[in-house]
Amino acid sequence: MKKRCTSGYVRSKKTGKCVYKTGRVGRSLNKKRASKKKSHKRSGRPSPQTSATLFNVGYTQFGHDGNLWKIKKSKSGVKRWIKI
């Protein structure tokens, strides 16, 4: 006859060894999982967060650095934020 498992452990039907008691795979019944709080990180982008392609050429907006930015078309035809 095998010994009983200690508190919080149960004998596994497959292996016959004492394993930690869990309700679902990987989740403990006795221990609560620490929740991760998502922090809003400030973007390293100094220009406005919105894409310049969404607005017309000449549109102005304040950026993350506090400066005023204007949309201009580059030589290749792509709209870009240019600091004023």
C-alpha atoms as a PDB file:
ATOM      1  CA  MET A   1       0.000   0.000   0.000  1.00  0.00           C
ATOM      2  CA  LYS A   2       1.339   3.446  -1.002  1.00  0.00           C
ATOM      3  CA  LYS A   3       1.635   6.376   1.405  1.00  0.00           C
ATOM      4  CA  ARG A   4      -0.842   9.236   1.227  1.00  0.00           C
ATOM      5  CA  CYS A   5       0.190  12.472  -0.467  1.00  0.00           C
ATOM      6  CA  THR A   6       0.751  15.604   1.598  1.00  0.00           C
ATOM      7  CA  SER A   7      -1.780  18.422   1.798  1.00  0.00           C
ATOM      8  CA  GLY A   8      -2.515  20.078  -1.558  1.00  0.00           C
ATOM      9  CA  TYR A   9      -1.254  17.072  -3.533  1.00  0.00           C
ATOM     10  CA  VAL A  10      -3.134  14.177  -5.168  1.00  0.00           C
ATOM     11  CA  ARG A  11      -1.977  10.843  -6.516  1.00  0.00           C
ATOM     12  CA  SER A  12      -1.819  10.846 -10.328  1.00  0.00           C
ATOM     13  CA  LYS A  13      -3.787   8.070 -12.040  1.00  0.00           C
ATOM     14  CA  LYS A  14      -1.302   7.899 -14.916  1.00  0.00           C
ATOM     15  CA  THR A  15       2.020   7.908 -13.054  1.00  0.00           C
ATOM     16  CA  GLY A  16       1.016   6.995  -9.515  1.00  0.00           C
ATOM     17  CA  LYS A  17       3.130   9.881  -8.162  1.00  0.00           C
ATOM     18  CA  CYS A  18       1.978  12.746  -5.950  1.00  0.00           C
ATOM     19  CA  VAL A  19       1.228  15.824  -8.061  1.00  0.00           C
ATOM     20  CA  TYR A  20       0.005  19.303  -7.145  1.00  0.00           C
ATOM     21  CA  LYS A  21      -3.789  19.573  -7.115  1.00  0.00           C
ATOM     22  CA  THR A  22      -5.101  21.721 -10.007  1.00  0.00           C
ATOM     23  CA  GLY A  23      -8.581  22.406 -11.317  1.00  0.00           C
ATOM     24  CA  ARG A  24      -7.624  23.121 -14.918  1.00  0.00           C
ATOM     25  CA  VAL A  25      -4.383  22.531 -16.714  1.00  0.00           C
ATOM     26  CA  GLY A  26      -1.772  24.949 -15.401  1.00  0.00           C
ATOM     27  CA  ARG A  27      -4.139  26.753 -12.998  1.00  0.00           C
ATOM     28  CA  SER A  28      -3.832  26.176  -9.275  1.00  0.00           C
ATOM     29  CA  LEU A  29      -6.904  25.945  -7.051  1.00  0.00           C
ATOM     30  CA  ASN A  30      -5.126  27.162  -3.939  1.00  0.00           C
ATOM     31  CA  LYS A  31      -2.980  29.958  -5.368  1.00  0.00           C
ATOM     32  CA  LYS A  32      -4.385  32.982  -7.146  1.00  0.00           C
ATOM     33  CA  ARG A  33      -2.599  34.072 -10.258  1.00  0.00           C
ATOM     34  CA  ALA A  34      -1.215  37.596 -10.094  1.00  0.00           C
ATOM     35  CA  SER A  35      -2.863  39.779 -12.697  1.00  0.00           C
ATOM     36  CA  LYS A  36      -0.622  41.880 -14.905  1.00  0.00           C
ATOM     37  CA  LYS A  37      -1.580  45.513 -15.203  1.00  0.00           C
ATOM     38  CA  LYS A  38      -1.044  47.004 -18.603  1.00  0.00           C
ATOM     39  CA  SER A  39       0.665  50.338 -18.414  1.00  0.00           C
ATOM     40  CA  HIS A  40       0.261  52.877 -21.150  1.00  0.00           C
ATOM     41  CA  LYS A  41       3.713  53.551 -22.438  1.00  0.00           C
ATOM     42  CA  ARG A  42       4.413  56.872 -24.037  1.00  0.00           C
ATOM     43  CA  SER A  43       5.400  56.426 -27.627  1.00  0.00           C
ATOM     44  CA  GLY A  44       8.909  57.432 -28.699  1.00  0.00           C
ATOM     45  CA  ARG A  45       7.280  59.048 -31.727  1.00  0.00           C
ATOM     46  CA  PRO A  46       7.485  62.873 -31.427  1.00  0.00           C
ATOM     47  CA  SER A  47       5.046  63.493 -34.301  1.00  0.00           C
ATOM     48  CA  PRO A  48       1.259  63.012 -33.923  1.00  0.00           C
ATOM     49  CA  GLN A  49       0.156  59.433 -33.274  1.00  0.00           C
ATOM     50  CA  THR A  50      -2.266  59.352 -36.205  1.00  0.00           C
ATOM     51  CA  SER A  51      -0.979  58.430 -39.646  1.00  0.00           C
ATOM     52  CA  ALA A  52      -0.356  61.273 -42.084  1.00  0.00           C
ATOM     53  CA  THR A  53      -1.949  59.229 -44.875  1.00  0.00           C
ATOM     54  CA  LEU A  54      -5.379  59.700 -43.266  1.00  0.00           C
ATOM     55  CA  PHE A  55      -5.380  63.494 -43.782  1.00  0.00           C
ATOM     56  CA  ASN A  56      -4.993  65.958 -46.654  1.00  0.00           C
ATOM     57  CA  VAL A  57      -1.733  67.751 -47.435  1.00  0.00           C
ATOM     58  CA  GLY A  58      -1.415  70.940 -45.356  1.00  0.00           C
ATOM     59  CA  TYR A  59      -3.276  69.589 -42.283  1.00  0.00           C
ATOM     60  CA  THR A  60      -1.637  70.677 -38.984  1.00  0.00           C
ATOM     61  CA  GLN A  61      -1.722  68.980 -35.589  1.00  0.00           C
ATOM     62  CA  PHE A  62       0.179  69.061 -32.288  1.00  0.00           C
ATOM     63  CA  GLY A  63       2.544  66.152 -31.705  1.00  0.00           C
ATOM     64  CA  HIS A  64       3.667  64.290 -28.570  1.00  0.00           C
ATOM     65  CA  ASP A  65       6.590  66.677 -28.172  1.00  0.00           C
ATOM     66  CA  GLY A  66       4.242  69.683 -27.992  1.00  0.00           C
ATOM     67  CA  ASN A  67       5.316  71.134 -31.353  1.00  0.00           C
ATOM     68  CA  LEU A  68       3.071  71.828 -34.312  1.00  0.00           C
ATOM     69  CA  TRP A  69       3.384  69.351 -37.210  1.00  0.00           C
ATOM     70  CA  LYS A  70       2.181  69.772 -40.809  1.00  0.00           C
ATOM     71  CA  ILE A  71       1.577  67.166 -43.512  1.00  0.00           C
ATOM     72  CA  LYS A  72       3.666  67.506 -46.664  1.00  0.00           C
ATOM     73  CA  LYS A  73       4.089  65.195 -49.625  1.00  0.00           C
ATOM     74  CA  SER A  74       7.575  63.755 -50.153  1.00  0.00           C
ATOM     75  CA  LYS A  75       9.284  63.355 -53.542  1.00  0.00           C
ATOM     76  CA  SER A  76       8.048  59.787 -53.773  1.00  0.00           C
ATOM     77  CA  GLY A  77       4.445  60.943 -53.156  1.00  0.00           C
ATOM     78  CA  VAL A  78       4.130  59.696 -49.574  1.00  0.00           C
ATOM     79  CA  LYS A  79       2.499  61.988 -47.003  1.00  0.00           C
ATOM     80  CA  ARG A  80       4.729  62.723 -43.986  1.00  0.00           C
ATOM     81  CA  TRP A  81       4.602  64.784 -40.800  1.00  0.00           C
ATOM     82  CA  ILE A  82       7.021  67.739 -40.968  1.00  0.00           C
ATOM     83  CA  LYS A  83       7.777  69.833 -37.870  1.00  0.00           C
ATOM     84  CA  ILE A  84       6.904  73.540 -38.266  1.00  0.00           C
END
